[in-house]
Amino acid sequence: MRTFNPSASHPERAAQAWQILVGMAMNRQTITYGGLAKLMYRREAPGVLASILGHIAYYCDENGLPQLNALVVGGKRGAPGHDIPLSSTAIDATREKVYKRDWYNVCPPSLDDLAAAWDARQ
């Protein structure tokens, strides 16, 4: 059995985050960067989520899906990081699109799919 370990690649960690975020989306919830890091790493892990969430963002963009990563917010601001270039109105609209999507009917991306989406933008 494979598990996510400390040396897991970014696509592997993106697949892990995808699972967590789908659960959040289907329950109309957001999660802080710190909360996501604690679920994934069992500790605070500042600064490690940008590339991981980028894999998800790029995959969503390439496949016409609302940006699932928009559910991850800063603890103080309650909004996604500055790298997600949306106004507060657009953030709310994007989040609503995420909530309305039936994510349980979307096959999760493979590690190769996530890596290819990332590589296409680099």
N, C-alpha and C. Protein backbone atom coordinates (compact mmCIF):
# COMPACT_ATOMS: atom_id res chain seq x y z
N MET A 1 0.84 -1.17 0.00
CA MET A 1 0.00 0.00 0.00
C MET A 1 0.89 1.24 0.00
N ARG A 2 0.58 2.18 -0.88
CA ARG A 2 1.31 3.44 -0.92
C ARG A 2 0.67 4.45 0.02
N THR A 3 1.48 5.27 0.62
CA THR A 3 0.99 6.36 1.45
C THR A 3 1.73 7.64 1.06
N PHE A 4 1.21 8.77 1.50
CA PHE A 4 1.89 10.03 1.28
C PHE A 4 2.97 10.15 2.35
N ASN A 5 4.19 10.38 1.92
CA ASN A 5 5.29 10.45 2.87
C ASN A 5 5.97 11.80 2.74
N PRO A 6 6.87 12.11 3.64
CA PRO A 6 7.51 13.43 3.62
C PRO A 6 8.21 13.79 2.31
N SER A 7 8.62 12.79 1.55
CA SER A 7 9.33 13.08 0.30
C SER A 7 8.42 12.93 -0.92
N ALA A 8 7.11 12.91 -0.73
CA ALA A 8 6.18 12.79 -1.85
C ALA A 8 6.36 13.97 -2.81
N SER A 9 6.20 13.69 -4.08
CA SER A 9 6.35 14.74 -5.10
C SER A 9 5.17 15.71 -5.05
N HIS A 10 5.33 16.85 -5.71
CA HIS A 10 4.23 17.82 -5.75
C HIS A 10 2.98 17.25 -6.39
N PRO A 11 3.07 16.50 -7.51
CA PRO A 11 1.84 15.90 -8.04
C PRO A 11 1.18 14.94 -7.04
N GLU A 12 1.98 14.18 -6.29
CA GLU A 12 1.41 13.30 -5.28
C GLU A 12 0.70 14.10 -4.20
N ARG A 13 1.33 15.15 -3.75
CA ARG A 13 0.71 15.99 -2.72
C ARG A 13 -0.52 16.71 -3.27
N ALA A 14 -0.49 17.07 -4.56
CA ALA A 14 -1.66 17.70 -5.18
C ALA A 14 -2.83 16.71 -5.21
N ALA A 15 -2.55 15.45 -5.48
CA ALA A 15 -3.60 14.43 -5.46
C ALA A 15 -4.17 14.29 -4.05
N GLN A 16 -3.31 14.38 -3.07
CA GLN A 16 -3.77 14.32 -1.67
C GLN A 16 -4.65 15.54 -1.36
N ALA A 17 -4.20 16.72 -1.74
CA ALA A 17 -4.97 17.94 -1.49
C ALA A 17 -6.30 17.88 -2.24
N TRP A 18 -6.29 17.34 -3.46
CA TRP A 18 -7.52 17.20 -4.25
C TRP A 18 -8.58 16.46 -3.43
N GLN A 19 -8.20 15.35 -2.83
CA GLN A 19 -9.16 14.57 -2.04
C GLN A 19 -9.76 15.39 -0.90
N ILE A 20 -8.91 16.12 -0.22
CA ILE A 20 -9.37 16.94 0.90
C ILE A 20 -10.30 18.03 0.41
N LEU A 21 -9.91 18.70 -0.67
CA LEU A 21 -10.69 19.83 -1.18
C LEU A 21 -12.03 19.40 -1.76
N VAL A 22 -12.08 18.22 -2.36
CA VAL A 22 -13.37 17.71 -2.84
C VAL A 22 -14.33 17.54 -1.67
N GLY A 23 -13.86 16.99 -0.57
CA GLY A 23 -14.70 16.86 0.61
C GLY A 23 -15.17 18.21 1.12
N MET A 24 -14.28 19.18 1.11
CA MET A 24 -14.63 20.54 1.54
C MET A 24 -15.69 21.13 0.60
N ALA A 25 -15.48 20.97 -0.70
CA ALA A 25 -16.41 21.52 -1.68
C ALA A 25 -17.81 20.93 -1.52
N MET A 26 -17.87 19.64 -1.33
CA MET A 26 -19.17 18.98 -1.24
C MET A 26 -19.90 19.33 0.07
N ASN A 27 -19.17 19.87 1.03
CA ASN A 27 -19.77 20.31 2.28
C ASN A 27 -19.83 21.84 2.40
N ARG A 28 -19.56 22.53 1.26
CA ARG A 28 -19.60 24.00 1.21
C ARG A 28 -18.71 24.62 2.29
N GLN A 29 -17.48 24.13 2.39
CA GLN A 29 -16.54 24.61 3.39
C GLN A 29 -15.30 25.18 2.72
N THR A 30 -14.62 26.04 3.47
CA THR A 30 -13.28 26.47 3.10
C THR A 30 -12.32 25.88 4.13
N ILE A 31 -11.05 26.00 3.85
CA ILE A 31 -10.02 25.55 4.79
C ILE A 31 -8.87 26.54 4.71
N THR A 32 -8.23 26.79 5.83
CA THR A 32 -7.08 27.68 5.82
C THR A 32 -5.85 26.95 5.29
N TYR A 33 -4.87 27.73 4.85
CA TYR A 33 -3.61 27.13 4.43
C TYR A 33 -3.02 26.31 5.57
N GLY A 34 -3.08 26.86 6.77
CA GLY A 34 -2.55 26.15 7.94
C GLY A 34 -3.31 24.86 8.22
N GLY A 35 -4.62 24.91 8.09
CA GLY A 35 -5.44 23.72 8.31
C GLY A 35 -5.16 22.64 7.29
N LEU A 36 -4.99 23.04 6.03
CA LEU A 36 -4.67 22.07 4.98
C LEU A 36 -3.29 21.46 5.22
N ALA A 37 -2.34 22.30 5.58
CA ALA A 37 -0.99 21.79 5.86
C ALA A 37 -1.02 20.79 7.01
N LYS A 38 -1.81 21.07 8.04
CA LYS A 38 -1.87 20.14 9.18
C LYS A 38 -2.51 18.82 8.78
N LEU A 39 -3.51 18.86 7.91
CA LEU A 39 -4.11 17.61 7.45
C LEU A 39 -3.13 16.81 6.59
N MET A 40 -2.36 17.51 5.76
CA MET A 40 -1.46 16.82 4.84
C MET A 40 -0.14 16.41 5.48
N TYR A 41 0.38 17.26 6.34
CA TYR A 41 1.72 17.04 6.89
C TYR A 41 1.73 16.75 8.40
N ARG A 42 0.55 16.85 9.00
CA ARG A 42 0.40 16.65 10.44
C ARG A 42 1.19 17.67 11.26
N ARG A 43 1.47 18.80 10.63
CA ARG A 43 2.16 19.91 11.30
C ARG A 43 2.00 21.14 10.43
N GLU A 44 2.33 22.28 10.99
CA GLU A 44 2.34 23.48 10.17
C GLU A 44 3.48 23.36 9.16
N ALA A 45 3.22 23.80 7.97
CA ALA A 45 4.22 23.71 6.91
C ALA A 45 4.11 24.95 6.03
N PRO A 46 4.49 26.10 6.59
CA PRO A 46 4.33 27.35 5.83
C PRO A 46 5.14 27.34 4.53
N GLY A 47 4.51 27.86 3.50
CA GLY A 47 5.20 28.04 2.23
C GLY A 47 5.27 26.83 1.33
N VAL A 48 4.70 25.71 1.71
CA VAL A 48 4.83 24.51 0.87
C VAL A 48 3.64 24.27 -0.05
N LEU A 49 2.56 24.99 0.13
CA LEU A 49 1.35 24.67 -0.61
C LEU A 49 1.21 25.36 -1.96
N ALA A 50 1.99 26.39 -2.23
CA ALA A 50 1.81 27.16 -3.47
C ALA A 50 1.90 26.28 -4.72
N SER A 51 2.97 25.54 -4.87
CA SER A 51 3.13 24.69 -6.05
C SER A 51 2.12 23.55 -6.06
N ILE A 52 1.84 23.02 -4.91
CA ILE A 52 0.87 21.92 -4.81
C ILE A 52 -0.50 22.39 -5.27
N LEU A 53 -0.93 23.54 -4.78
CA LEU A 53 -2.23 24.08 -5.19
C LEU A 53 -2.19 24.57 -6.63
N GLY A 54 -1.01 24.98 -7.10
CA GLY A 54 -0.86 25.37 -8.50
C GLY A 54 -1.16 24.21 -9.44
N HIS A 55 -0.73 23.02 -9.08
CA HIS A 55 -1.04 21.84 -9.89
C HIS A 55 -2.56 21.69 -10.04
N ILE A 56 -3.28 21.88 -8.94
CA ILE A 56 -4.74 21.76 -8.96
C ILE A 56 -5.36 22.88 -9.78
N ALA A 57 -4.89 24.10 -9.59
CA ALA A 57 -5.43 25.24 -10.33
C ALA A 57 -5.27 25.06 -11.83
N TYR A 58 -4.08 24.67 -12.25
CA TYR A 58 -3.80 24.50 -13.67
C TYR A 58 -4.61 23.34 -14.26
N TYR A 59 -4.74 22.27 -13.50
CA TYR A 59 -5.55 21.14 -13.97
C TYR A 59 -7.00 21.57 -14.14
N CYS A 60 -7.53 22.29 -13.17
CA CYS A 60 -8.91 22.77 -13.26
C CYS A 60 -9.08 23.67 -14.48
N ASP A 61 -8.16 24.60 -14.67
CA ASP A 61 -8.23 25.50 -15.83
C ASP A 61 -8.24 24.72 -17.14
N GLU A 62 -7.34 23.77 -17.27
CA GLU A 62 -7.23 22.99 -18.51
C GLU A 62 -8.46 22.15 -18.80
N ASN A 63 -9.21 21.83 -17.77
CA ASN A 63 -10.35 20.93 -17.94
C ASN A 63 -11.70 21.60 -17.74
N GLY A 64 -11.72 22.92 -17.74
CA GLY A 64 -12.98 23.65 -17.64
C GLY A 64 -13.68 23.49 -16.31
N LEU A 65 -12.92 23.23 -15.27
CA LEU A 65 -13.48 23.09 -13.92
C LEU A 65 -13.26 24.37 -13.13
N PRO A 66 -14.16 24.70 -12.23
CA PRO A 66 -13.89 25.84 -11.35
C PRO A 66 -12.68 25.53 -10.47
N GLN A 67 -11.94 26.55 -10.11
CA GLN A 67 -10.69 26.33 -9.37
C GLN A 67 -10.96 25.83 -7.96
N LEU A 68 -10.79 24.55 -7.79
CA LEU A 68 -10.99 23.88 -6.50
C LEU A 68 -10.11 24.50 -5.42
N ASN A 69 -8.94 24.96 -5.81
CA ASN A 69 -8.00 25.57 -4.85
C ASN A 69 -8.51 26.88 -4.28
N ALA A 70 -9.58 27.45 -4.82
CA ALA A 70 -10.14 28.70 -4.29
C ALA A 70 -10.74 28.50 -2.90
N LEU A 71 -10.87 27.26 -2.47
CA LEU A 71 -11.40 26.97 -1.13
C LEU A 71 -10.35 27.13 -0.04
N VAL A 72 -9.10 27.26 -0.43
CA VAL A 72 -8.02 27.40 0.55
C VAL A 72 -7.80 28.90 0.78
N VAL A 73 -7.92 29.30 2.05
CA VAL A 73 -7.90 30.72 2.38
C VAL A 73 -6.87 31.03 3.47
N GLY A 74 -6.45 32.27 3.49
CA GLY A 74 -5.59 32.73 4.57
C GLY A 74 -6.39 32.84 5.86
N GLY A 75 -5.76 32.52 6.97
CA GLY A 75 -6.45 32.53 8.26
C GLY A 75 -6.97 33.90 8.67
N LYS A 76 -6.24 34.94 8.35
CA LYS A 76 -6.66 36.29 8.75
C LYS A 76 -7.55 36.95 7.71
N ARG A 77 -7.22 36.74 6.44
CA ARG A 77 -7.97 37.41 5.37
C ARG A 77 -9.24 36.68 4.99
N GLY A 78 -9.26 35.37 5.15
CA GLY A 78 -10.42 34.60 4.73
C GLY A 78 -10.56 34.53 3.22
N ALA A 79 -9.48 34.80 2.50
CA ALA A 79 -9.48 34.78 1.04
C ALA A 79 -8.26 34.01 0.56
N PRO A 80 -8.32 33.52 -0.67
CA PRO A 80 -7.15 32.83 -1.22
C PRO A 80 -5.93 33.75 -1.28
N GLY A 81 -4.77 33.16 -1.44
CA GLY A 81 -3.53 33.92 -1.50
C GLY A 81 -3.49 34.88 -2.68
N HIS A 82 -2.54 35.77 -2.65
CA HIS A 82 -2.41 36.80 -3.67
C HIS A 82 -2.12 36.23 -5.05
N ASP A 83 -1.64 35.01 -5.13
CA ASP A 83 -1.33 34.40 -6.42
C ASP A 83 -2.59 34.01 -7.19
N ILE A 84 -3.75 34.07 -6.53
CA ILE A 84 -5.01 33.82 -7.23
C ILE A 84 -5.58 35.20 -7.54
N PRO A 85 -5.42 35.65 -8.78
CA PRO A 85 -5.76 37.04 -9.14
C PRO A 85 -7.25 37.26 -9.35
N LEU A 86 -8.01 37.27 -8.27
CA LEU A 86 -9.44 37.50 -8.33
C LEU A 86 -9.82 38.62 -7.37
N SER A 87 -10.81 39.42 -7.76
CA SER A 87 -11.33 40.40 -6.81
C SER A 87 -12.17 39.64 -5.78
N SER A 88 -12.55 40.30 -4.70
CA SER A 88 -13.34 39.61 -3.68
C SER A 88 -14.67 39.12 -4.26
N THR A 89 -15.25 39.88 -5.19
CA THR A 89 -16.48 39.44 -5.83
C THR A 89 -16.23 38.20 -6.67
N ALA A 90 -15.12 38.21 -7.42
CA ALA A 90 -14.80 37.06 -8.25
C ALA A 90 -14.48 35.84 -7.39
N ILE A 91 -13.85 36.06 -6.26
CA ILE A 91 -13.55 34.93 -5.36
C ILE A 91 -14.84 34.29 -4.90
N ASP A 92 -15.80 35.12 -4.50
CA ASP A 92 -17.09 34.57 -4.05
C ASP A 92 -17.79 33.82 -5.18
N ALA A 93 -17.76 34.38 -6.39
CA ALA A 93 -18.40 33.73 -7.53
C ALA A 93 -17.70 32.41 -7.87
N THR A 94 -16.38 32.44 -7.83
CA THR A 94 -15.62 31.21 -8.10
C THR A 94 -15.94 30.16 -7.05
N ARG A 95 -15.97 30.56 -5.81
CA ARG A 95 -16.27 29.61 -4.73
C ARG A 95 -17.66 29.00 -4.92
N GLU A 96 -18.63 29.82 -5.31
CA GLU A 96 -19.98 29.29 -5.55
C GLU A 96 -19.98 28.27 -6.68
N LYS A 97 -19.19 28.53 -7.73
CA LYS A 97 -19.09 27.56 -8.83
C LYS A 97 -18.47 26.25 -8.32
N VAL A 98 -17.49 26.37 -7.45
CA VAL A 98 -16.87 25.17 -6.87
C VAL A 98 -17.92 24.40 -6.07
N TYR A 99 -18.69 25.11 -5.26
CA TYR A 99 -19.69 24.44 -4.42
C TYR A 99 -20.78 23.77 -5.26
N LYS A 100 -21.12 24.36 -6.39
CA LYS A 100 -22.21 23.82 -7.22
C LYS A 100 -21.79 22.61 -8.05
N ARG A 101 -20.52 22.45 -8.26
CA ARG A 101 -20.02 21.34 -9.07
C ARG A 101 -20.18 20.02 -8.32
N ASP A 102 -20.60 18.97 -9.00
CA ASP A 102 -20.68 17.64 -8.38
C ASP A 102 -19.31 16.98 -8.50
N TRP A 103 -18.44 17.28 -7.55
CA TRP A 103 -17.07 16.78 -7.58
C TRP A 103 -16.98 15.27 -7.42
N TYR A 104 -18.01 14.67 -6.82
CA TYR A 104 -17.99 13.21 -6.68
C TYR A 104 -18.23 12.53 -8.03
N ASN A 105 -18.64 13.31 -9.02
CA ASN A 105 -18.85 12.77 -10.37
C ASN A 105 -17.67 13.09 -11.29
N VAL A 106 -16.63 13.71 -10.75
CA VAL A 106 -15.42 14.02 -11.52
C VAL A 106 -14.35 13.01 -11.13
N CYS A 107 -13.85 12.28 -12.10
CA CYS A 107 -12.75 11.35 -11.80
C CYS A 107 -11.54 12.14 -11.34
N PRO A 108 -10.92 11.76 -10.25
CA PRO A 108 -9.73 12.49 -9.78
C PRO A 108 -8.62 12.43 -10.83
N PRO A 109 -7.86 13.50 -10.93
CA PRO A 109 -6.76 13.50 -11.90
C PRO A 109 -5.66 12.53 -11.47
N SER A 110 -4.99 11.98 -12.46
CA SER A 110 -3.84 11.12 -12.16
C SER A 110 -2.63 12.00 -11.83
N LEU A 111 -1.60 11.39 -11.30
CA LEU A 111 -0.37 12.14 -11.03
C LEU A 111 0.20 12.71 -12.33
N ASP A 112 0.11 11.94 -13.40
CA ASP A 112 0.60 12.41 -14.69
C ASP A 112 -0.22 13.60 -15.20
N ASP A 113 -1.54 13.55 -15.00
CA ASP A 113 -2.40 14.67 -15.42
C ASP A 113 -2.02 15.95 -14.67
N LEU A 114 -1.82 15.83 -13.37
CA LEU A 114 -1.47 16.99 -12.55
C LEU A 114 -0.09 17.53 -12.95
N ALA A 115 0.85 16.65 -13.18
CA ALA A 115 2.21 17.07 -13.57
C ALA A 115 2.18 17.73 -14.95
N ALA A 116 1.41 17.18 -15.87
CA ALA A 116 1.33 17.75 -17.22
C ALA A 116 0.71 19.14 -17.20
N ALA A 117 -0.33 19.33 -16.38
CA ALA A 117 -0.95 20.65 -16.28
C ALA A 117 0.05 21.67 -15.74
N TRP A 118 0.82 21.26 -14.74
CA TRP A 118 1.85 22.13 -14.16
C TRP A 118 2.93 22.45 -15.18
N ASP A 119 3.44 21.41 -15.85
CA ASP A 119 4.53 21.58 -16.82
C ASP A 119 4.11 22.47 -17.98
N ALA A 120 2.85 22.40 -18.38
CA ALA A 120 2.38 23.20 -19.50
C ALA A 120 2.41 24.70 -19.18
N ARG A 121 2.37 25.04 -17.91
CA ARG A 121 2.38 26.46 -17.50
C ARG A 121 3.75 26.97 -17.11
N GLN A 122 4.73 26.09 -17.01
CA GLN A 122 6.07 26.51 -16.57
C GLN A 122 6.94 26.91 -17.72
